Amino acid sequence: MREWLARLRDWLRRDQLDRELAEELRFHQEQLKREAGAAGLDPDEAAWMARRKLGNVTRHREEARDRWSWPWLDDLQQDVRYALRGLGRSPGFTATVILTLGLGIGANAAMFGVIDRLMLRPYAYLREPARVHRVYLQSTHRDRTRIASGGIEYTTYLDLRKGSSSFSRFAAFTSGPMAVGSGDAVREFAVASVSGSFFDFFDARPVLGRFFGAAEDITPQGAPVAVLSYAFWKTEFGGRDVVGEILQVRNIPCTIIGVAPEGFDGVMAERPPAIYIPITTNAGYANAQSDLTGYFTRYNWGWISIMAQRNPGISVDEASADLSDAYLGSWNASLALDPEGTPPEIARPRAIAGPLKIAAGPDPSLEARTLKWVTGVAVIVLLIAAANVANLMFARVLHRRRETAVRLALGVSRQRLLRQYLTESFLFAGLGCVAGVAIAQWGGALLRHLFLQQGTSLDVFTDRRTIMVAAGFALAAGLMTGIGPAIFELSIGKALETLQVFFGNSFFFVAQFNDTLRN
């Protein structure tokens, strides 16, 4: 590693080292010349003798350069400079290729940015996301299968938590707009009602105070406490210490006990909550004037979603089977309270430990299915763009046949020419990637409006995952547009030259055809 760092340092100052070497060689040559002159030789003979003793100066300089740098890196630098000069000589061709690749790469980068947020990207601060699942409940009604990821009864949540053994923890959550504040300062914000175990799923530490836990989340009515989101705390309270203050949330006078860290949105990133309160507090105050115990003893109010963390060593299928057994027991418990319900033989109740993001779950929305179709179209657009650029590169190769023939005649290897063509192609692809990222950024507003909730960020310039995917598309485009024309150029030229040598004048038309291509 130390040798590589030393080589890199020497490569960065290779011009200075080259000048110092030239001075040293010149000094030695002059020294040898003076010694030969002192031995009685005339100046011309002394100069010849000095050059003879010193040896091949060019070879010494090349060997020294090899020791303080990497030849392949020098070649790459030369190839890039040559490619840049070629791009500057053909501005129209360059602009056409960059714009064509930019449109293809930009469309795919923008689509990936949306898919990543809807289906792929783990939620911030989530602990062991591969083992965290959303619970989907499946049942059959009137020969139609229904899969529910939300609108689940709190009583069913209690039954699943009690009746399954494949999960280390469960959490119930829901989110919706609520009136926050009092008097003329009342405004509507997204408020998340979560169970006391919710924050245990995350490696997040509050900026101020603490999160609430099981002690505040108790039936029939939880404690009136609240945790603020970082953004809400900054915009509404100016970042001051608010722990212990009272905040009115709907009809609940909540005591602020903590502030979540920046970027923490729970599992509701599509519409980040401003405030978190215990789920039993929400239910208890909502039912304070009626049946206070109904929401956790009966099965007639579906309003929550459930997530669970799978135990290590338990497969997803095993966990789903365990959940299904617990759900069957919950179904039978609901029938005991409501005998007119659908029997399990007909309803076939089943629970699924599925992806945490609904769009990637067993019952994706119409927007998610449309998004997959549009993504396929975007990939086809990139393939068409790459094919068009490859055609342009083929035409460019044919136009440069004379130049290629001269370089081969001067001794340039075909491998070096192939590397030169690929460098030029990757340079085009890199510039197309820059243009594509800009296109993806500008097109983000439309995609956000179509597929994401209002307020969801699509800042491609600061999104490393999207930029890396765009770079991957650019690399693939560079290979597709560069390697075909390069191999065509080198292989056809070599084949024609071989035919000329082998058949001689008997196939004079081969030589004429080759000359035509060269011109």
Protein backbone atom coordinates (compact mmCIF):
# COMPACT_ATOMS: atom_id res chain seq x y z
CA MET A 1 0.00 0.00 0.00
CA ARG A 2 2.88 2.33 0.85
CA GLU A 3 4.46 1.62 -2.54
CA TRP A 4 1.19 2.44 -4.32
CA LEU A 5 0.88 5.73 -2.46
CA ALA A 6 4.48 6.58 -3.30
CA ARG A 7 3.85 5.80 -6.97
CA LEU A 8 0.72 7.94 -6.95
CA ARG A 9 2.60 10.84 -5.37
CA ASP A 10 5.40 10.51 -7.95
CA TRP A 11 2.86 10.25 -10.79
CA LEU A 12 1.23 13.50 -9.73
CA ARG A 13 4.61 15.29 -9.89
CA ARG A 14 6.05 13.30 -12.80
CA ASP A 15 6.78 16.45 -14.86
CA GLN A 16 9.00 17.77 -12.11
CA LEU A 17 10.72 14.40 -11.74
CA ASP A 18 11.21 14.22 -15.50
CA ARG A 19 12.92 17.62 -15.50
CA GLU A 20 15.13 16.63 -12.58
CA LEU A 21 16.11 13.40 -14.37
CA ALA A 22 16.95 15.28 -17.56
CA GLU A 23 19.17 17.64 -15.57
CA GLU A 24 20.91 14.74 -13.86
CA LEU A 25 21.54 12.91 -17.15
CA ARG A 26 22.84 16.11 -18.70
CA PHE A 27 25.17 16.58 -15.72
CA HIS A 28 26.55 13.05 -16.03
CA GLN A 29 27.06 13.46 -19.77
CA GLU A 30 28.98 16.71 -19.26
CA GLN A 31 31.06 15.07 -16.53
CA LEU A 32 31.97 12.16 -18.81
CA LYS A 33 32.75 14.59 -21.63
CA ARG A 34 35.17 16.55 -19.39
CA GLU A 35 36.86 13.33 -18.28
CA ALA A 36 37.31 12.25 -21.91
CA GLY A 37 38.70 15.68 -22.81
CA ALA A 38 41.14 15.50 -19.93
CA ALA A 39 42.37 12.16 -21.33
CA GLY A 40 43.44 13.94 -24.53
CA LEU A 41 40.45 13.41 -26.83
CA ASP A 42 39.22 16.26 -29.01
CA PRO A 43 35.74 17.72 -28.25
CA ASP A 44 33.87 15.65 -30.86
CA GLU A 45 35.50 12.40 -29.75
CA ALA A 46 34.94 13.32 -26.10
CA ALA A 47 31.22 13.98 -26.76
CA TRP A 48 30.91 10.64 -28.61
CA MET A 49 32.70 8.78 -25.82
CA ALA A 50 30.41 10.41 -23.19
CA ARG A 51 27.27 9.41 -25.06
CA ARG A 52 28.61 5.87 -25.50
CA LYS A 53 29.37 5.44 -21.77
CA LEU A 54 26.09 6.99 -20.68
CA GLY A 55 24.05 4.75 -22.98
CA ASN A 56 20.58 5.30 -24.41
CA VAL A 57 19.28 8.41 -22.62
CA THR A 58 15.71 7.91 -23.90
CA ARG A 59 15.65 4.36 -22.56
CA HIS A 60 16.93 5.52 -19.16
CA ARG A 61 14.17 8.13 -18.99
CA GLU A 62 11.48 5.61 -19.97
CA GLU A 63 12.69 3.10 -17.36
CA ALA A 64 12.66 5.81 -14.71
CA ARG A 65 9.13 6.87 -15.69
CA ASP A 66 7.98 3.25 -15.37
CA ARG A 67 9.31 3.16 -11.80
CA TRP A 68 7.64 6.37 -10.62
CA SER A 69 4.32 5.96 -12.43
CA TRP A 70 2.00 3.46 -14.13
CA PRO A 71 2.34 3.17 -17.93
CA TRP A 72 -1.33 2.26 -18.27
CA LEU A 73 -2.28 5.44 -16.46
CA ASP A 74 -0.13 7.53 -18.77
CA ASP A 75 -1.70 5.77 -21.76
CA LEU A 76 -5.16 6.45 -20.36
CA GLN A 77 -4.35 10.11 -19.93
CA GLN A 78 -3.15 10.29 -23.53
CA ASP A 79 -6.27 8.50 -24.74
CA VAL A 80 -8.52 10.91 -22.83
CA ARG A 81 -6.70 13.94 -24.25
CA TYR A 82 -6.96 12.51 -27.75
CA ALA A 83 -10.66 11.78 -27.27
CA LEU A 84 -11.31 15.30 -25.98
CA ARG A 85 -9.61 16.79 -29.02
CA GLY A 86 -11.75 14.57 -31.22
CA LEU A 87 -14.91 15.74 -29.45
CA GLY A 88 -13.89 19.35 -29.93
CA ARG A 89 -13.34 18.85 -33.67
CA SER A 90 -16.94 17.60 -34.12
CA PRO A 91 -19.18 19.69 -31.84
CA GLY A 92 -22.38 18.77 -33.66
CA PHE A 93 -21.67 15.04 -33.47
CA THR A 94 -20.64 15.39 -29.82
CA ALA A 95 -23.78 17.29 -28.84
CA THR A 96 -26.01 14.76 -30.62
CA VAL A 97 -24.43 11.78 -28.90
CA ILE A 98 -24.43 13.39 -25.43
CA LEU A 99 -28.06 14.49 -25.73
CA THR A 100 -29.17 11.07 -27.01
CA LEU A 101 -27.43 9.21 -24.19
CA GLY A 102 -28.54 11.83 -21.67
CA LEU A 103 -32.20 11.27 -22.49
CA GLY A 104 -31.87 7.49 -22.11
CA ILE A 105 -29.82 7.62 -18.91
CA GLY A 106 -31.89 10.45 -17.43
CA ALA A 107 -35.18 8.62 -17.96
CA ASN A 108 -33.86 5.51 -16.22
CA ALA A 109 -32.23 7.47 -13.39
CA ALA A 110 -35.46 9.36 -12.72
CA MET A 111 -37.51 6.16 -12.71
CA PHE A 112 -35.04 4.45 -10.41
CA GLY A 113 -35.26 7.40 -8.01
CA VAL A 114 -39.02 6.91 -7.72
CA ILE A 115 -38.86 3.09 -7.53
CA ASP A 116 -36.11 3.30 -4.93
CA ARG A 117 -38.26 5.45 -2.66
CA LEU A 118 -41.42 3.42 -3.19
CA MET A 119 -40.02 -0.12 -3.11
CA LEU A 120 -36.29 -0.54 -2.46
CA ARG A 121 -34.72 1.96 -0.10
CA PRO A 122 -34.81 0.97 3.60
CA TYR A 123 -36.33 3.46 5.97
CA ALA A 124 -33.86 5.70 7.76
CA TYR A 125 -32.45 4.37 11.05
CA LEU A 126 -34.31 1.03 10.63
CA ARG A 127 -32.51 -1.76 12.49
CA GLU A 128 -31.90 -4.94 10.45
CA PRO A 129 -34.33 -4.07 7.63
CA ALA A 130 -34.05 -7.53 6.05
CA ARG A 131 -35.87 -9.02 9.06
CA VAL A 132 -38.57 -6.35 9.43
CA HIS A 133 -41.88 -7.03 7.68
CA ARG A 134 -45.28 -5.48 7.26
CA VAL A 135 -48.11 -7.86 8.12
CA TYR A 136 -50.62 -8.39 5.30
CA LEU A 137 -53.92 -10.11 6.09
CA GLN A 138 -55.58 -12.07 3.30
CA SER A 139 -59.14 -13.36 3.26
CA THR A 140 -61.83 -14.30 0.76
CA HIS A 141 -65.20 -12.58 0.56
CA ARG A 142 -67.76 -13.51 -2.09
CA ASP A 143 -65.10 -15.39 -4.10
CA ARG A 144 -62.83 -12.34 -4.12
CA THR A 145 -59.50 -12.35 -2.35
CA ARG A 146 -58.72 -9.24 -0.34
CA ILE A 147 -55.30 -8.35 1.04
CA ALA A 148 -55.15 -5.71 3.75
CA SER A 149 -51.98 -3.90 4.78
CA GLY A 150 -53.87 -1.28 6.77
CA GLY A 151 -57.29 -0.94 8.34
CA ILE A 152 -56.56 -3.82 10.72
CA GLU A 153 -58.25 -4.09 14.09
CA TYR A 154 -56.14 -3.35 17.17
CA THR A 155 -57.58 -6.52 18.72
CA THR A 156 -56.20 -8.56 15.82
CA TYR A 157 -52.81 -6.96 16.45
CA LEU A 158 -52.95 -8.14 20.06
CA ASP A 159 -53.94 -11.65 18.93
CA LEU A 160 -51.08 -11.89 16.42
CA ARG A 161 -48.55 -10.62 18.93
CA LYS A 162 -49.73 -13.15 21.50
CA GLY A 163 -50.29 -16.11 19.17
CA SER A 164 -47.05 -16.16 17.14
CA SER A 165 -43.54 -17.11 18.22
CA SER A 166 -41.52 -16.36 15.07
CA PHE A 167 -41.08 -12.67 15.77
CA SER A 168 -39.03 -10.83 18.37
CA ARG A 169 -41.23 -7.73 18.42
CA PHE A 170 -44.43 -6.27 16.97
CA ALA A 171 -45.56 -2.68 16.51
CA ALA A 172 -48.85 -1.07 15.54
CA PHE A 173 -48.96 2.28 13.78
CA THR A 174 -51.19 4.61 11.83
CA SER A 175 -50.91 8.15 10.58
CA GLY A 176 -53.28 10.87 9.54
CA PRO A 177 -53.95 14.62 9.67
CA MET A 178 -54.94 16.09 13.01
CA ALA A 179 -55.55 19.56 14.35
CA VAL A 180 -52.53 20.74 16.33
CA GLY A 181 -52.48 23.79 18.59
CA SER A 182 -55.12 25.79 20.32
CA GLY A 183 -57.14 28.91 19.65
CA ASP A 184 -56.28 30.84 16.51
CA ALA A 185 -52.99 28.94 16.15
CA VAL A 186 -54.64 25.63 15.23
CA ARG A 187 -53.16 24.05 12.14
CA GLU A 188 -53.37 20.62 10.56
CA PHE A 189 -50.32 18.33 10.64
CA ALA A 190 -49.64 14.65 10.00
CA VAL A 191 -49.67 12.85 13.35
CA ALA A 192 -48.46 9.26 13.78
CA SER A 193 -50.05 7.08 16.42
CA VAL A 194 -47.60 4.30 17.26
CA SER A 195 -47.28 1.59 19.87
CA GLY A 196 -44.67 1.82 22.61
CA SER A 197 -42.52 -0.80 20.83
CA PHE A 198 -42.36 1.23 17.62
CA PHE A 199 -39.13 3.08 18.38
CA ASP A 200 -37.37 -0.19 19.30
CA PHE A 201 -37.26 -1.03 15.59
CA PHE A 202 -34.85 1.85 14.95
CA ASP A 203 -31.28 2.82 15.86
CA ALA A 204 -32.33 6.40 16.47
CA ARG A 205 -31.58 8.54 19.49
CA PRO A 206 -33.73 11.56 20.27
CA VAL A 207 -32.16 14.98 19.92
CA LEU A 208 -33.93 16.10 23.07
CA GLY A 209 -35.59 14.12 25.83
CA ARG A 210 -36.66 10.56 25.13
CA PHE A 211 -39.06 8.37 23.17
CA PHE A 212 -42.14 6.94 24.84
CA GLY A 213 -42.36 3.22 25.56
CA ALA A 214 -44.64 0.51 26.87
CA ALA A 215 -45.27 2.40 30.11
CA GLU A 216 -47.06 5.20 28.22
CA ASP A 217 -48.80 2.86 25.74
CA ILE A 218 -51.36 1.09 27.90
CA THR A 219 -55.02 0.21 27.51
CA PRO A 220 -57.62 1.55 27.83
CA GLN A 221 -56.04 4.99 27.56
CA GLY A 222 -52.36 5.76 27.09
CA ALA A 223 -50.43 8.65 28.53
CA PRO A 224 -50.89 12.06 26.83
CA VAL A 225 -47.29 12.46 25.66
CA ALA A 226 -45.79 13.43 22.32
CA VAL A 227 -42.49 13.20 20.45
CA LEU A 228 -41.85 15.87 17.82
CA SER A 229 -40.18 15.34 14.48
CA TYR A 230 -36.96 17.25 13.90
CA ALA A 231 -38.42 19.37 11.07
CA PHE A 232 -41.54 20.28 13.10
CA TRP A 233 -39.39 21.17 16.11
CA LYS A 234 -37.18 23.44 14.01
CA THR A 235 -39.93 25.22 12.09
CA GLU A 236 -42.53 25.58 14.85
CA PHE A 237 -40.33 25.95 17.93
CA GLY A 238 -37.11 27.32 16.51
CA GLY A 239 -35.02 24.47 17.90
CA ARG A 240 -35.37 25.57 21.54
CA ASP A 241 -35.78 23.22 24.49
CA VAL A 242 -39.45 22.21 24.50
CA VAL A 243 -39.35 19.15 26.77
CA GLY A 244 -42.14 19.46 29.32
CA GLU A 245 -44.28 21.92 27.36
CA ILE A 246 -47.93 21.18 26.55
CA LEU A 247 -49.00 20.78 22.91
CA GLN A 248 -52.68 20.35 22.03
CA VAL A 249 -53.15 17.48 19.54
CA ARG A 250 -56.84 17.27 18.62
CA ASN A 251 -58.51 16.91 22.05
CA ILE A 252 -55.36 15.58 23.73
CA PRO A 253 -53.21 17.95 25.86
CA CYS A 254 -49.88 16.24 25.15
CA THR A 255 -46.73 16.80 27.15
CA ILE A 256 -43.70 16.97 24.86
CA ILE A 257 -41.15 14.42 26.07
CA GLY A 258 -38.67 14.31 23.19
CA VAL A 259 -37.58 15.29 19.68
CA ALA A 260 -36.71 12.68 17.02
CA PRO A 261 -33.38 12.97 15.14
CA GLU A 262 -33.11 14.65 11.77
CA GLY A 263 -34.29 12.44 8.90
CA PHE A 264 -36.33 10.13 11.10
CA ASP A 265 -39.73 9.49 9.48
CA GLY A 266 -40.52 6.09 10.96
CA VAL A 267 -42.10 3.94 8.25
CA MET A 268 -44.23 6.78 6.91
CA ALA A 269 -41.64 8.52 4.74
CA GLU A 270 -44.23 9.07 1.98
CA ARG A 271 -45.83 11.64 4.29
CA PRO A 272 -43.46 12.27 7.21
CA PRO A 273 -45.29 12.76 10.51
CA ALA A 274 -44.80 15.96 12.46
CA ILE A 275 -45.75 14.42 15.82
CA TYR A 276 -45.75 10.92 17.35
CA ILE A 277 -48.20 9.95 20.10
CA PRO A 278 -49.00 6.58 21.73
CA ILE A 279 -51.55 4.62 19.75
CA THR A 280 -53.61 3.81 22.84
CA THR A 281 -53.67 7.51 23.68
CA ASN A 282 -55.23 8.28 20.30
CA ALA A 283 -57.77 5.45 20.62
CA GLY A 284 -58.52 6.13 24.27
CA TYR A 285 -59.27 9.82 23.79
CA ALA A 286 -61.21 9.11 20.57
CA ASN A 287 -63.50 6.68 22.43
CA ALA A 288 -63.57 8.48 25.78
CA GLN A 289 -67.22 9.43 25.37
CA SER A 290 -68.36 5.96 24.21
CA ASP A 291 -66.99 2.46 24.73
CA LEU A 292 -63.46 2.99 26.03
CA THR A 293 -62.60 -0.71 25.88
CA GLY A 294 -64.17 -1.57 22.54
CA TYR A 295 -61.12 -0.87 20.37
CA PHE A 296 -59.02 -3.59 22.08
CA THR A 297 -61.74 -6.11 22.91
CA ARG A 298 -63.87 -6.19 19.76
CA TYR A 299 -63.21 -6.59 16.02
CA ASN A 300 -65.33 -3.83 14.55
CA TRP A 301 -62.78 -1.01 14.10
CA GLY A 302 -60.05 -1.52 11.54
CA TRP A 303 -57.64 1.40 11.62
CA ILE A 304 -54.00 0.33 12.12
CA SER A 305 -51.08 -1.26 10.28
CA ILE A 306 -48.73 -3.84 11.78
CA MET A 307 -45.02 -4.49 11.42
CA ALA A 308 -42.95 -7.24 12.99
CA GLN A 309 -39.30 -8.23 13.28
CA ARG A 310 -38.57 -11.84 12.37
CA ASN A 311 -36.39 -13.93 14.67
CA PRO A 312 -32.95 -14.95 13.35
CA GLY A 313 -32.97 -18.36 11.69
CA ILE A 314 -36.68 -18.21 10.83
CA SER A 315 -37.48 -18.08 7.11
CA VAL A 316 -40.12 -15.79 5.67
CA ASP A 317 -42.33 -18.77 4.78
CA GLU A 318 -42.09 -20.17 8.31
CA ALA A 319 -42.91 -16.78 9.78
CA SER A 320 -45.91 -16.38 7.47
CA ALA A 321 -47.18 -19.84 8.41
CA ASP A 322 -46.85 -18.97 12.10
CA LEU A 323 -48.68 -15.68 11.54
CA SER A 324 -51.43 -17.48 9.62
CA ASP A 325 -52.03 -19.84 12.54
CA ALA A 326 -52.29 -16.86 14.89
CA TYR A 327 -54.60 -15.07 12.46
CA LEU A 328 -56.85 -18.13 12.25
CA GLY A 329 -57.14 -18.09 16.03
CA SER A 330 -57.98 -14.37 15.91
CA TRP A 331 -60.58 -15.03 13.21
CA ASN A 332 -62.27 -17.66 15.36
CA ALA A 333 -62.19 -15.28 18.34
CA SER A 334 -64.00 -12.65 16.25
CA LEU A 335 -66.60 -15.27 15.24
CA ALA A 336 -67.24 -15.98 18.91
CA LEU A 337 -68.29 -12.35 19.29
CA ASP A 338 -70.06 -12.17 15.93
CA PRO A 339 -71.42 -15.59 14.90
CA GLU A 340 -72.79 -14.14 11.66
CA GLY A 341 -69.27 -13.57 10.33
CA THR A 342 -67.77 -15.59 7.48
CA PRO A 343 -66.53 -19.00 8.67
CA PRO A 344 -62.80 -19.72 8.15
CA GLU A 345 -63.55 -22.56 5.70
CA ILE A 346 -64.95 -19.95 3.32
CA ALA A 347 -62.82 -16.92 4.22
CA ARG A 348 -59.54 -18.90 4.25
CA PRO A 349 -57.76 -16.32 6.44
CA ARG A 350 -54.02 -16.08 5.91
CA ALA A 351 -51.31 -13.72 7.16
CA ILE A 352 -48.23 -12.77 5.12
CA ALA A 353 -44.93 -11.42 6.37
CA GLY A 354 -44.26 -9.20 3.37
CA PRO A 355 -42.17 -6.19 2.40
CA LEU A 356 -42.40 -3.20 4.67
CA LYS A 357 -43.14 -0.92 1.73
CA ILE A 358 -46.66 -1.45 0.38
CA ALA A 359 -45.64 -0.82 -3.23
CA ALA A 360 -43.38 -3.89 -3.08
CA GLY A 361 -45.95 -6.00 -1.25
CA PRO A 362 -48.30 -8.74 -2.42
CA ASP A 363 -51.01 -6.26 -3.39
CA PRO A 364 -49.29 -3.21 -4.95
CA SER A 365 -51.36 -0.20 -5.88
CA LEU A 366 -52.24 0.83 -9.41
CA GLU A 367 -49.52 3.50 -9.24
CA ALA A 368 -46.89 0.89 -8.33
CA ARG A 369 -47.95 -1.42 -11.18
CA THR A 370 -47.94 1.51 -13.60
CA LEU A 371 -44.51 2.49 -12.37
CA LYS A 372 -43.09 -0.94 -13.20
CA TRP A 373 -44.52 -0.70 -16.71
CA VAL A 374 -43.11 2.79 -17.22
CA THR A 375 -39.72 1.57 -15.98
CA GLY A 376 -39.70 -1.09 -18.69
CA VAL A 377 -40.42 1.61 -21.25
CA ALA A 378 -37.51 3.67 -19.87
CA VAL A 379 -35.12 0.71 -20.28
CA ILE A 380 -36.29 0.32 -23.89
CA VAL A 381 -35.65 4.04 -24.44
CA LEU A 382 -32.07 3.57 -23.21
CA LEU A 383 -31.56 0.60 -25.54
CA ILE A 384 -32.88 2.61 -28.49
CA ALA A 385 -30.63 5.54 -27.54
CA ALA A 386 -27.62 3.21 -27.31
CA ALA A 387 -28.46 1.66 -30.69
CA ASN A 388 -28.71 5.09 -32.32
CA VAL A 389 -25.40 6.18 -30.82
CA ALA A 390 -23.80 2.91 -31.93
CA ASN A 391 -24.95 3.65 -35.49
CA LEU A 392 -23.38 7.10 -35.27
CA MET A 393 -20.18 5.55 -33.95
CA PHE A 394 -20.14 3.05 -36.85
CA ALA A 395 -20.39 5.95 -39.29
CA ARG A 396 -17.60 7.76 -37.43
CA VAL A 397 -15.41 4.66 -37.60
CA LEU A 398 -15.89 4.36 -41.35
CA HIS A 399 -15.09 8.04 -41.75
CA ARG A 400 -11.82 7.55 -39.83
CA ARG A 401 -10.56 4.53 -41.75
CA ARG A 402 -7.68 6.46 -43.29
CA GLU A 403 -6.53 7.71 -39.90
CA THR A 404 -6.71 4.20 -38.47
CA ALA A 405 -4.70 2.79 -41.38
CA VAL A 406 -1.96 5.38 -40.88
CA ARG A 407 -1.74 4.66 -37.15
CA LEU A 408 -1.53 0.91 -37.79
CA ALA A 409 1.18 1.50 -40.38
CA LEU A 410 3.16 3.52 -37.82
CA GLY A 411 3.15 0.54 -35.46
CA VAL A 412 0.24 1.26 -33.11
CA SER A 413 -1.14 -2.01 -31.79
CA ARG A 414 -4.74 -3.01 -32.37
CA GLN A 415 -5.21 -3.40 -28.61
CA ARG A 416 -4.19 0.23 -28.14
CA LEU A 417 -6.62 1.33 -30.84
CA LEU A 418 -9.39 -0.70 -29.24
CA ARG A 419 -8.63 0.96 -25.92
CA GLN A 420 -8.71 4.35 -27.62
CA TYR A 421 -12.14 3.69 -29.13
CA LEU A 422 -13.50 2.48 -25.78
CA THR A 423 -12.04 5.53 -24.00
CA GLU A 424 -13.83 7.80 -26.45
CA SER A 425 -17.05 5.85 -25.98
CA PHE A 426 -16.85 5.97 -22.19
CA LEU A 427 -16.10 9.67 -22.36
CA PHE A 428 -19.29 10.16 -24.38
CA ALA A 429 -21.16 8.01 -21.85
CA GLY A 430 -19.75 10.00 -18.92
CA LEU A 431 -20.85 13.29 -20.42
CA GLY A 432 -24.21 11.70 -21.23
CA CYS A 433 -24.45 10.61 -17.58
CA VAL A 434 -23.96 14.22 -16.43
CA ALA A 435 -26.67 15.35 -18.85
CA GLY A 436 -28.88 12.46 -17.73
CA VAL A 437 -28.59 13.37 -14.05
CA ALA A 438 -29.61 16.93 -14.89
CA ILE A 439 -32.58 15.63 -16.93
CA ALA A 440 -33.58 13.33 -14.06
CA GLN A 441 -33.46 16.25 -11.64
CA TRP A 442 -35.63 18.46 -13.84
CA GLY A 443 -38.07 15.64 -14.54
CA GLY A 444 -38.36 14.78 -10.85
CA ALA A 445 -41.19 17.20 -10.21
CA LEU A 446 -43.47 15.47 -12.72
CA LEU A 447 -42.64 12.00 -11.42
CA ARG A 448 -43.13 13.13 -7.82
CA HIS A 449 -46.53 14.49 -8.73
CA LEU A 450 -47.55 11.25 -10.48
CA PHE A 451 -46.21 8.57 -8.14
CA LEU A 452 -45.16 10.03 -4.78
CA GLN A 453 -46.90 11.85 -2.00
CA GLN A 454 -46.73 15.63 -1.98
CA GLY A 455 -43.53 16.87 -0.36
CA THR A 456 -41.42 13.79 -1.05
CA SER A 457 -37.86 14.78 -2.02
CA LEU A 458 -36.44 13.80 -5.40
CA ASP A 459 -33.15 15.70 -5.31
CA VAL A 460 -31.07 13.61 -7.71
CA PHE A 461 -27.98 15.80 -7.31
CA THR A 462 -27.63 14.77 -3.65
CA ASP A 463 -28.91 11.19 -3.99
CA ARG A 464 -25.87 8.89 -4.08
CA ARG A 465 -27.91 5.78 -4.89
CA THR A 466 -29.51 7.35 -7.96
CA ILE A 467 -26.19 8.81 -9.13
CA MET A 468 -24.52 5.39 -8.79
CA VAL A 469 -27.30 3.77 -10.81
CA ALA A 470 -26.98 6.49 -13.46
CA ALA A 471 -23.24 5.78 -13.60
CA GLY A 472 -24.01 2.08 -14.05
CA PHE A 473 -26.34 2.85 -16.94
CA ALA A 474 -23.64 5.08 -18.45
CA LEU A 475 -21.07 2.27 -18.16
CA ALA A 476 -23.43 -0.15 -19.90
CA ALA A 477 -24.18 2.42 -22.60
CA GLY A 478 -20.46 3.03 -23.10
CA LEU A 479 -19.84 -0.67 -23.64
CA MET A 480 -22.80 -1.08 -25.98
CA THR A 481 -21.91 1.95 -28.10
CA GLY A 482 -18.14 1.52 -28.15
CA ILE A 483 -17.10 -2.08 -28.28
CA GLY A 484 -19.14 -2.99 -31.37
CA PRO A 485 -17.81 -0.26 -33.69
CA ALA A 486 -14.27 -0.74 -32.37
CA ILE A 487 -14.21 -4.49 -33.00
CA PHE A 488 -15.84 -3.93 -36.38
CA GLU A 489 -13.14 -1.45 -37.35
CA LEU A 490 -10.22 -3.58 -36.24
CA SER A 491 -11.55 -6.96 -37.36
CA ILE A 492 -12.71 -5.82 -40.82
CA GLY A 493 -9.47 -3.98 -41.45
CA LYS A 494 -7.42 -7.00 -40.41
CA ALA A 495 -9.56 -9.36 -42.48
CA LEU A 496 -9.18 -7.25 -45.62
CA GLU A 497 -5.44 -6.96 -45.14
CA THR A 498 -5.18 -10.74 -44.70
CA LEU A 499 -7.14 -11.36 -47.89
CA GLN A 500 -4.89 -8.98 -49.79
CA VAL A 501 -1.73 -10.71 -48.58
CA PHE A 502 -3.08 -14.23 -49.18
CA PHE A 503 -4.69 -13.82 -52.59
CA GLY A 504 -2.50 -11.05 -53.97
CA ASN A 505 -3.52 -9.58 -57.31
CA SER A 506 -6.07 -12.34 -58.00
CA PHE A 507 -8.54 -10.45 -55.82
CA PHE A 508 -7.61 -6.90 -56.66
CA PHE A 509 -11.17 -5.82 -55.92
CA VAL A 510 -10.51 -6.56 -52.23
CA ALA A 511 -7.80 -3.92 -52.18
CA GLN A 512 -10.06 -1.48 -53.98
CA PHE A 513 -12.85 -2.09 -51.47
CA ASN A 514 -10.44 -1.57 -48.59
CA ASP A 515 -9.21 1.70 -50.13
CA THR A 516 -12.81 2.81 -50.56
CA LEU A 517 -13.46 2.23 -46.87
CA ARG A 518 -10.25 4.04 -45.94
CA ASN A 519 -11.34 7.09 -47.92
